[in-house]
C-alpha atoms as a PDB file:
ATOM      1  CA  UNK A   1       0.521  14.692  -8.338  1.00  0.00           C
ATOM      2  CA  UNK A   2      -3.242  15.278  -8.250  1.00  0.00           C
ATOM      3  CA  UNK A   3      -5.697  12.394  -8.233  1.00  0.00           C
ATOM      4  CA  UNK A   4      -8.503  12.715 -10.755  1.00  0.00           C
ATOM      5  CA  UNK A   5     -11.043  10.557 -12.556  1.00  0.00           C
ATOM      6  CA  UNK A   6      -9.903  10.563 -16.162  1.00  0.00           C
ATOM      7  CA  UNK A   7     -12.862   9.575 -18.315  1.00  0.00           C
ATOM      8  CA  UNK A   8     -10.969  11.018 -21.270  1.00  0.00           C
ATOM      9  CA  UNK A   9      -7.311  10.616 -22.077  1.00  0.00           C
ATOM     10  CA  UNK A  10      -6.900  12.587 -25.300  1.00  0.00           C
ATOM     11  CA  UNK A  11      -4.568  15.509 -25.712  1.00  0.00           C
ATOM     12  CA  UNK A  12      -6.486  18.789 -25.572  1.00  0.00           C
ATOM     13  CA  UNK A  13      -9.386  17.495 -23.478  1.00  0.00           C
ATOM     14  CA  UNK A  14     -10.247  19.234 -20.194  1.00  0.00           C
ATOM     15  CA  UNK A  15     -10.578  17.587 -16.759  1.00  0.00           C
ATOM     16  CA  UNK A  16     -12.473  19.365 -13.972  1.00  0.00           C
ATOM     17  CA  UNK A  17     -10.807  19.189 -10.542  1.00  0.00           C
ATOM     18  CA  UNK A  18     -13.068  19.759  -7.518  1.00  0.00           C
ATOM     19  CA  UNK A  19     -13.373  18.922  -3.827  1.00  0.00           C
ATOM     20  CA  UNK A  20     -10.349  18.043  -1.706  1.00  0.00           C
ATOM     21  CA  UNK A  21      -7.988  17.861  -4.679  1.00  0.00           C
ATOM     22  CA  UNK A  22      -9.022  21.368  -5.807  1.00  0.00           C
ATOM     23  CA  UNK A  23      -8.440  22.680  -2.276  1.00  0.00           C
ATOM     24  CA  UNK A  24      -5.030  21.000  -2.142  1.00  0.00           C
ATOM     25  CA  UNK A  25      -4.009  22.423  -5.527  1.00  0.00           C
ATOM     26  CA  UNK A  26      -5.029  25.997  -4.830  1.00  0.00           C
ATOM     27  CA  UNK A  27      -4.625  26.417  -1.058  1.00  0.00           C
ATOM     28  CA  UNK A  28      -1.707  24.111  -0.245  1.00  0.00           C
ATOM     29  CA  UNK A  29       0.308  24.008  -3.472  1.00  0.00           C
ATOM     30  CA  UNK A  30      -0.878  27.519  -4.498  1.00  0.00           C
ATOM     31  CA  UNK A  31      -1.167  26.537  -8.141  1.00  0.00           C
ATOM     32  CA  UNK A  32      -2.841  28.876 -10.612  1.00  0.00           C
ATOM     33  CA  UNK A  33      -3.536  29.412 -14.300  1.00  0.00           C
ATOM     34  CA  UNK A  34      -0.807  28.073 -16.643  1.00  0.00           C
ATOM     35  CA  UNK A  35       0.840  25.988 -13.900  1.00  0.00           C
ATOM     36  CA  UNK A  36       1.636  22.390 -14.881  1.00  0.00           C
ATOM     37  CA  UNK A  37       0.269  19.421 -12.931  1.00  0.00           C
ATOM     38  CA  UNK A  38       0.357  15.659 -13.266  1.00  0.00           C
ATOM     39  CA  UNK A  39      -2.968  13.863 -12.938  1.00  0.00           C
ATOM     40  CA  UNK A  40      -3.226  10.215 -11.935  1.00  0.00           C
ATOM     41  CA  UNK A  41      -6.222   7.935 -11.506  1.00  0.00           C
ATOM     42  CA  UNK A  42      -4.819   5.514  -8.918  1.00  0.00           C
ATOM     43  CA  UNK A  43      -4.759   2.647 -11.419  1.00  0.00           C
ATOM     44  CA  UNK A  44      -1.540   3.506 -13.234  1.00  0.00           C
ATOM     45  CA  UNK A  45      -2.902   6.228 -15.522  1.00  0.00           C
ATOM     46  CA  UNK A  46      -0.691   9.338 -15.613  1.00  0.00           C
ATOM     47  CA  UNK A  47      -0.950  12.476 -17.736  1.00  0.00           C
ATOM     48  CA  UNK A  48       0.508  15.979 -17.683  1.00  0.00           C
ATOM     49  CA  UNK A  49      -1.836  18.943 -17.822  1.00  0.00           C
ATOM     50  CA  UNK A  50      -1.950  22.716 -17.623  1.00  0.00           C
ATOM     51  CA  UNK A  51      -4.391  24.676 -15.441  1.00  0.00           C
ATOM     52  CA  UNK A  52      -6.557  26.800 -17.740  1.00  0.00           C
ATOM     53  CA  UNK A  53      -9.167  28.171 -15.346  1.00  0.00           C
ATOM     54  CA  UNK A  54      -9.691  28.556 -11.596  1.00  0.00           C
ATOM     55  CA  UNK A  55     -13.005  29.592 -10.027  1.00  0.00           C
ATOM     56  CA  UNK A  56     -14.536  29.221  -6.581  1.00  0.00           C
ATOM     57  CA  UNK A  57     -15.777  25.692  -7.293  1.00  0.00           C
ATOM     58  CA  UNK A  58     -12.868  24.063  -9.095  1.00  0.00           C
ATOM     59  CA  UNK A  59     -10.093  24.129 -11.683  1.00  0.00           C
ATOM     60  CA  UNK A  60     -10.098  23.158 -15.349  1.00  0.00           C
ATOM     61  CA  UNK A  61      -6.969  21.281 -16.446  1.00  0.00           C
ATOM     62  CA  UNK A  62      -6.195  20.842 -20.132  1.00  0.00           C
ATOM     63  CA  UNK A  63      -4.425  17.575 -20.934  1.00  0.00           C
ATOM     64  CA  UNK A  64      -1.142  18.153 -22.758  1.00  0.00           C
ATOM     65  CA  UNK A  65      -0.671  14.543 -23.861  1.00  0.00           C
ATOM     66  CA  UNK A  66      -2.407  11.217 -24.079  1.00  0.00           C
ATOM     67  CA  UNK A  67      -2.537   9.420 -20.738  1.00  0.00           C
ATOM     68  CA  UNK A  68       0.225   6.900 -20.138  1.00  0.00           C
ATOM     69  CA  UNK A  69      -0.554   3.605 -18.437  1.00  0.00           C
ATOM     70  CA  UNK A  70       2.214   2.572 -16.064  1.00  0.00           C
ATOM     71  CA  UNK A  71       2.153  -1.086 -15.066  1.00  0.00           C
ATOM     72  CA  UNK A  72       3.010  -2.129 -11.493  1.00  0.00           C
ATOM     73  CA  UNK A  73       6.577  -3.364 -11.167  1.00  0.00           C
ATOM     74  CA  UNK A  74       7.883  -6.236  -9.105  1.00  0.00           C
ATOM     75  CA  UNK A  75       6.005  -8.306  -6.569  1.00  0.00           C
ATOM     76  CA  UNK A  76       2.811  -6.733  -5.217  1.00  0.00           C
ATOM     77  CA  UNK A  77       2.825  -7.176  -1.436  1.00  0.00           C
ATOM     78  CA  UNK A  78      -0.443  -7.429   0.502  1.00  0.00           C
ATOM     79  CA  UNK A  79      -0.273  -6.732   4.236  1.00  0.00           C
ATOM     80  CA  UNK A  80      -2.577  -8.412   6.759  1.00  0.00           C
ATOM     81  CA  UNK A  81      -1.932  -6.874  10.179  1.00  0.00           C
ATOM     82  CA  UNK A  82      -3.857  -6.990  13.468  1.00  0.00           C
ATOM     83  CA  UNK A  83      -3.555  -3.308  14.359  1.00  0.00           C
ATOM     84  CA  UNK A  84      -7.133  -2.438  15.329  1.00  0.00           C
ATOM     85  CA  UNK A  85      -6.303  -1.865  19.000  1.00  0.00           C
ATOM     86  CA  UNK A  86      -3.302   0.418  18.421  1.00  0.00           C
ATOM     87  CA  UNK A  87      -3.647   3.826  20.045  1.00  0.00           C
ATOM     88  CA  UNK A  88      -1.987   7.226  19.941  1.00  0.00           C
ATOM     89  CA  UNK A  89      -1.605   7.490  16.171  1.00  0.00           C
ATOM     90  CA  UNK A  90       0.348   4.265  15.831  1.00  0.00           C
ATOM     91  CA  UNK A  91      -2.138   2.796  13.336  1.00  0.00           C
ATOM     92  CA  UNK A  92      -1.962   6.023  11.313  1.00  0.00           C
ATOM     93  CA  UNK A  93       1.823   5.689  11.177  1.00  0.00           C
ATOM     94  CA  UNK A  94       1.595   2.038  10.111  1.00  0.00           C
ATOM     95  CA  UNK A  95      -0.773   2.823   7.225  1.00  0.00           C
ATOM     96  CA  UNK A  96       1.232   5.839   6.089  1.00  0.00           C
ATOM     97  CA  UNK A  97       4.510   3.925   5.987  1.00  0.00           C
ATOM     98  CA  UNK A  98       2.991   0.902   4.254  1.00  0.00           C
ATOM     99  CA  UNK A  99       1.815   3.297   1.548  1.00  0.00           C
ATOM    100  CA  UNK A 100       5.233   4.944   1.233  1.00  0.00           C
ATOM    101  CA  UNK A 101       6.997   1.589   1.024  1.00  0.00           C
ATOM    102  CA  UNK A 102       4.786   0.454  -1.847  1.00  0.00           C
ATOM    103  CA  UNK A 103       2.401  -2.077  -0.289  1.00  0.00           C
ATOM    104  CA  UNK A 104      -0.366  -2.994  -2.718  1.00  0.00           C
ATOM    105  CA  UNK A 105      -2.986  -3.335   0.018  1.00  0.00           C
ATOM    106  CA  UNK A 106      -3.425  -3.408   3.781  1.00  0.00           C
ATOM    107  CA  UNK A 107      -6.143  -5.415   5.514  1.00  0.00           C
ATOM    108  CA  UNK A 108      -6.926  -5.014   9.236  1.00  0.00           C
ATOM    109  CA  UNK A 109      -6.814  -8.542  10.609  1.00  0.00           C
ATOM    110  CA  UNK A 110      -9.331  -9.513  13.296  1.00  0.00           C
ATOM    111  CA  UNK A 111      -8.027 -12.088  15.761  1.00  0.00           C
ATOM    112  CA  UNK A 112      -8.915 -13.393  19.203  1.00  0.00           C
ATOM    113  CA  UNK A 113      -6.711 -10.683  20.763  1.00  0.00           C
ATOM    114  CA  UNK A 114      -7.647  -7.936  18.291  1.00  0.00           C
ATOM    115  CA  UNK A 115     -11.279  -8.409  17.419  1.00  0.00           C
ATOM    116  CA  UNK A 116     -12.524  -5.004  16.232  1.00  0.00           C
ATOM    117  CA  UNK A 117     -11.703  -1.759  14.435  1.00  0.00           C
ATOM    118  CA  UNK A 118     -13.917   1.351  14.533  1.00  0.00           C
ATOM    119  CA  UNK A 119     -15.635   2.396  11.285  1.00  0.00           C
ATOM    120  CA  UNK A 120     -14.751   6.073  11.764  1.00  0.00           C
ATOM    121  CA  UNK A 121     -11.143   5.013  12.090  1.00  0.00           C
ATOM    122  CA  UNK A 122     -11.251   3.309   8.690  1.00  0.00           C
ATOM    123  CA  UNK A 123     -12.471   6.566   7.096  1.00  0.00           C
ATOM    124  CA  UNK A 124      -9.548   8.458   8.626  1.00  0.00           C
ATOM    125  CA  UNK A 125      -7.079   5.838   7.439  1.00  0.00           C
ATOM    126  CA  UNK A 126      -8.434   6.130   3.889  1.00  0.00           C
ATOM    127  CA  UNK A 127      -7.646   9.843   3.908  1.00  0.00           C
ATOM    128  CA  UNK A 128      -4.138   9.107   5.176  1.00  0.00           C
ATOM    129  CA  UNK A 129      -3.584   6.673   2.311  1.00  0.00           C
ATOM    130  CA  UNK A 130      -4.466   9.279  -0.318  1.00  0.00           C
ATOM    131  CA  UNK A 131      -2.197  11.885   1.290  1.00  0.00           C
ATOM    132  CA  UNK A 132       0.704   9.407   1.447  1.00  0.00           C
ATOM    133  CA  UNK A 133       0.142   8.241  -2.151  1.00  0.00           C
ATOM    134  CA  UNK A 134       0.552  11.802  -3.404  1.00  0.00           C
ATOM    135  CA  UNK A 135       3.458  12.577  -1.083  1.00  0.00           C
ATOM    136  CA  UNK A 136       5.543   9.635  -2.268  1.00  0.00           C
ATOM    137  CA  UNK A 137       4.419  10.065  -5.902  1.00  0.00           C
ATOM    138  CA  UNK A 138       3.138   6.575  -6.545  1.00  0.00           C
ATOM    139  CA  UNK A 139       0.612   6.303  -9.379  1.00  0.00           C
ATOM    140  CA  UNK A 140      -1.080   3.149  -8.079  1.00  0.00           C
ATOM    141  CA  UNK A 141      -3.281   3.554  -5.021  1.00  0.00           C
ATOM    142  CA  UNK A 142      -2.725   1.433  -1.974  1.00  0.00           C
ATOM    143  CA  UNK A 143      -5.999  -0.299  -1.198  1.00  0.00           C
ATOM    144  CA  UNK A 144      -7.226  -0.316   2.406  1.00  0.00           C
ATOM    145  CA  UNK A 145      -9.397  -3.424   2.605  1.00  0.00           C
ATOM    146  CA  UNK A 146     -12.323  -4.113   4.964  1.00  0.00           C
ATOM    147  CA  UNK A 147     -11.404  -5.926   8.211  1.00  0.00           C
ATOM    148  CA  UNK A 148     -11.040  -9.671   7.826  1.00  0.00           C
ATOM    149  CA  UNK A 149     -11.396 -12.531  10.291  1.00  0.00           C
ATOM    150  CA  UNK A 150      -8.261 -14.649  10.483  1.00  0.00           C
ATOM    151  CA  UNK A 151     -10.196 -17.798   9.597  1.00  0.00           C
ATOM    152  CA  UNK A 152     -11.478 -16.067   6.432  1.00  0.00           C
ATOM    153  CA  UNK A 153      -7.972 -15.540   5.056  1.00  0.00           C
ATOM    154  CA  UNK A 154      -8.110 -17.833   1.987  1.00  0.00           C
ATOM    155  CA  UNK A 155      -5.281 -16.237   0.052  1.00  0.00           C
ATOM    156  CA  UNK A 156      -2.556 -17.934   2.068  1.00  0.00           C
ATOM    157  CA  UNK A 157      -3.014 -21.285   0.381  1.00  0.00           C
ATOM    158  CA  UNK A 158      -3.082 -19.574  -3.042  1.00  0.00           C
ATOM    159  CA  UNK A 159       0.209 -17.699  -2.639  1.00  0.00           C
ATOM    160  CA  UNK A 160       3.695 -19.178  -2.795  1.00  0.00           C
ATOM    161  CA  UNK A 161       4.997 -16.101  -0.982  1.00  0.00           C
ATOM    162  CA  UNK A 162       3.121 -15.910   2.320  1.00  0.00           C
ATOM    163  CA  UNK A 163       5.161 -14.880   5.368  1.00  0.00           C
ATOM    164  CA  UNK A 164       4.096 -14.951   9.010  1.00  0.00           C
ATOM    165  CA  UNK A 165       6.037 -12.765  11.458  1.00  0.00           C
ATOM    166  CA  UNK A 166       7.027 -15.027  14.355  1.00  0.00           C
ATOM    167  CA  UNK A 167       9.439 -14.422  17.221  1.00  0.00           C
ATOM    168  CA  UNK A 168      10.904 -17.938  17.225  1.00  0.00           C
ATOM    169  CA  UNK A 169      11.204 -18.467  13.462  1.00  0.00           C
ATOM    170  CA  UNK A 170      14.349 -18.458  11.275  1.00  0.00           C
ATOM    171  CA  UNK A 171      15.535 -14.952  10.283  1.00  0.00           C
ATOM    172  CA  UNK A 172      13.673 -13.567   7.292  1.00  0.00           C
ATOM    173  CA  UNK A 173      16.872 -13.044   5.287  1.00  0.00           C
ATOM    174  CA  UNK A 174      17.764 -16.711   5.633  1.00  0.00           C
ATOM    175  CA  UNK A 175      14.402 -17.702   4.156  1.00  0.00           C
ATOM    176  CA  UNK A 176      14.171 -15.242   1.265  1.00  0.00           C
ATOM    177  CA  UNK A 177      16.984 -16.602  -0.960  1.00  0.00           C
ATOM    178  CA  UNK A 178      15.131 -19.910  -1.133  1.00  0.00           C
ATOM    179  CA  UNK A 179      11.970 -18.233  -2.444  1.00  0.00           C
ATOM    180  CA  UNK A 180      11.122 -17.488  -6.055  1.00  0.00           C
ATOM    181  CA  UNK A 181      11.045 -13.823  -7.087  1.00  0.00           C
ATOM    182  CA  UNK A 182       8.950 -14.651 -10.162  1.00  0.00           C
ATOM    183  CA  UNK A 183       5.650 -14.547  -8.298  1.00  0.00           C
ATOM    184  CA  UNK A 184       3.346 -11.591  -9.004  1.00  0.00           C
ATOM    185  CA  UNK A 185       2.122 -11.113  -5.441  1.00  0.00           C
ATOM    186  CA  UNK A 186       2.866 -12.064  -1.856  1.00  0.00           C
ATOM    187  CA  UNK A 187       1.378 -11.814   1.629  1.00  0.00           C
ATOM    188  CA  UNK A 188       2.672 -10.491   4.953  1.00  0.00           C
ATOM    189  CA  UNK A 189       0.831 -11.540   8.113  1.00  0.00           C
ATOM    190  CA  UNK A 190       1.474  -9.780  11.427  1.00  0.00           C
ATOM    191  CA  UNK A 191      -0.303 -10.586  14.661  1.00  0.00           C
ATOM    192  CA  UNK A 192      -1.636  -8.318  17.426  1.00  0.00           C
ATOM    193  CA  UNK A 193       0.039  -7.214  20.624  1.00  0.00           C
ATOM    194  CA  UNK A 194       0.158 -10.435  22.587  1.00  0.00           C
ATOM    195  CA  UNK A 195       0.662 -12.325  19.295  1.00  0.00           C
ATOM    196  CA  UNK A 196      -1.560 -14.905  17.651  1.00  0.00           C
ATOM    197  CA  UNK A 197      -2.917 -17.775  19.703  1.00  0.00           C
ATOM    198  CA  UNK A 198      -1.363 -21.205  19.136  1.00  0.00           C
ATOM    199  CA  UNK A 199      -4.514 -22.245  17.280  1.00  0.00           C
ATOM    200  CA  UNK A 200      -4.293 -19.258  14.939  1.00  0.00           C
ATOM    201  CA  UNK A 201      -0.622 -19.924  14.213  1.00  0.00           C
ATOM    202  CA  UNK A 202      -1.481 -23.542  13.454  1.00  0.00           C
ATOM    203  CA  UNK A 203      -4.206 -22.506  11.007  1.00  0.00           C
ATOM    204  CA  UNK A 204      -1.877 -20.120   9.161  1.00  0.00           C
ATOM    205  CA  UNK A 205       1.021 -22.574   8.985  1.00  0.00           C
ATOM    206  CA  UNK A 206      -1.273 -25.364   7.803  1.00  0.00           C
ATOM    207  CA  UNK A 207      -2.469 -23.068   5.013  1.00  0.00           C
ATOM    208  CA  UNK A 208       1.123 -22.570   3.869  1.00  0.00           C
ATOM    209  CA  UNK A 209       2.355 -19.421   5.613  1.00  0.00           C
ATOM    210  CA  UNK A 210       6.112 -19.463   6.248  1.00  0.00           C
ATOM    211  CA  UNK A 211       7.130 -18.213   9.745  1.00  0.00           C
ATOM    212  CA  UNK A 212       9.969 -15.674   9.628  1.00  0.00           C
ATOM    213  CA  UNK A 213      11.895 -13.942  12.413  1.00  0.00           C
ATOM    214  CA  UNK A 214      12.652 -10.213  12.578  1.00  0.00           C
ATOM    215  CA  UNK A 215      15.567 -10.136  14.971  1.00  0.00           C
ATOM    216  CA  UNK A 216      16.191 -10.870  18.656  1.00  0.00           C
ATOM    217  CA  UNK A 217      14.019  -8.072  20.086  1.00  0.00           C
ATOM    218  CA  UNK A 218      10.281  -8.231  20.627  1.00  0.00           C
ATOM    219  CA  UNK A 219       8.688  -5.746  18.232  1.00  0.00           C
ATOM    220  CA  UNK A 220       5.458  -3.788  18.364  1.00  0.00           C
ATOM    221  CA  UNK A 221       2.838  -4.505  15.701  1.00  0.00           C
ATOM    222  CA  UNK A 222       3.655  -1.453  13.600  1.00  0.00           C
ATOM    223  CA  UNK A 223       7.421  -1.989  13.898  1.00  0.00           C
ATOM    224  CA  UNK A 224       7.129  -5.634  12.855  1.00  0.00           C
ATOM    225  CA  UNK A 225       4.904  -4.708   9.921  1.00  0.00           C
ATOM    226  CA  UNK A 226       7.276  -2.085   8.548  1.00  0.00           C
ATOM    227  CA  UNK A 227      10.374  -4.215   9.206  1.00  0.00           C
ATOM    228  CA  UNK A 228       8.984  -7.191   7.311  1.00  0.00           C
ATOM    229  CA  UNK A 229       7.563  -5.084   4.490  1.00  0.00           C
ATOM    230  CA  UNK A 230      10.856  -3.208   4.095  1.00  0.00           C
ATOM    231  CA  UNK A 231      12.854  -6.427   3.904  1.00  0.00           C
ATOM    232  CA  UNK A 232      10.517  -7.993   1.358  1.00  0.00           C
ATOM    233  CA  UNK A 233      10.254  -4.859  -0.787  1.00  0.00           C
ATOM    234  CA  UNK A 234      14.054  -4.483  -0.926  1.00  0.00           C
ATOM    235  CA  UNK A 235      14.515  -8.176  -1.701  1.00  0.00           C
ATOM    236  CA  UNK A 236      11.929  -8.248  -4.490  1.00  0.00           C
ATOM    237  CA  UNK A 237      13.147  -4.931  -5.926  1.00  0.00           C
ATOM    238  CA  UNK A 238      16.715  -6.240  -6.015  1.00  0.00           C
ATOM    239  CA  UNK A 239      15.610  -9.481  -7.672  1.00  0.00           C
ATOM    240  CA  UNK A 240      13.526  -7.555 -10.231  1.00  0.00           C
ATOM    241  CA  UNK A 241      16.501  -5.301 -10.995  1.00  0.00           C
ATOM    242  CA  UNK A 242      18.837  -8.274 -11.491  1.00  0.00           C
ATOM    243  CA  UNK A 243      16.372  -9.949 -13.845  1.00  0.00           C
ATOM    244  CA  UNK A 244      16.032  -6.744 -15.865  1.00  0.00           C
ATOM    245  CA  UNK A 245      19.820  -6.460 -16.120  1.00  0.00           C
ATOM    246  CA  UNK A 246      20.109 -10.036 -17.359  1.00  0.00           C
ATOM    247  CA  UNK A 247      17.492  -9.431 -20.061  1.00  0.00           C
ATOM    248  CA  UNK A 248      19.418  -6.491 -21.548  1.00  0.00           C
END
């Protein structure tokens, strides 16, 4: 997969690939004239093309078909995690795995115990997202949102599927069967190392977030994030599959 801006989507048109994507095609994948590639725009658009020309500045790809628009499937999960203070590549790992697992977006959450995230770090994380999107062959980008203060998290009250990772809450699998799988989107909220303050937990619960437990062991931020996202993705995927089977 190669990400490209597709202003045209007609068979026979030519798309110019430059910059990082051109470098990846020619230096990493070693693609040349007449090789086939799939172009995607990050919004569900996908089209097959053939490389017609390679020069020092870019590649020309001829579209072999009209672009197909692939709609997102299942519940779109949005992750709000307080990971700004993670060190040693742990935040990189969290973002990469959220992308691979199919999260729709990730928002760094600013709390009393995690109150900042460096701007240069956000730029690096954006590059990691693009690399992971291509590696796992998803045609919808994962959006890395600007940092958000916990008290500015209005979406909780608007979502029927909003889950708050909490050490003393009922196990997540005991809560999920009671929830509807017909919702289009849901939220995951994970606190910082040291957890949310009691006041922050109260604000989230009052807004409608459902506390869920992730087992008997105390988990790191990135472990809790991936554990909860994995459980919710598998649950919603299974429910979506069962509904599709029933409709046949």
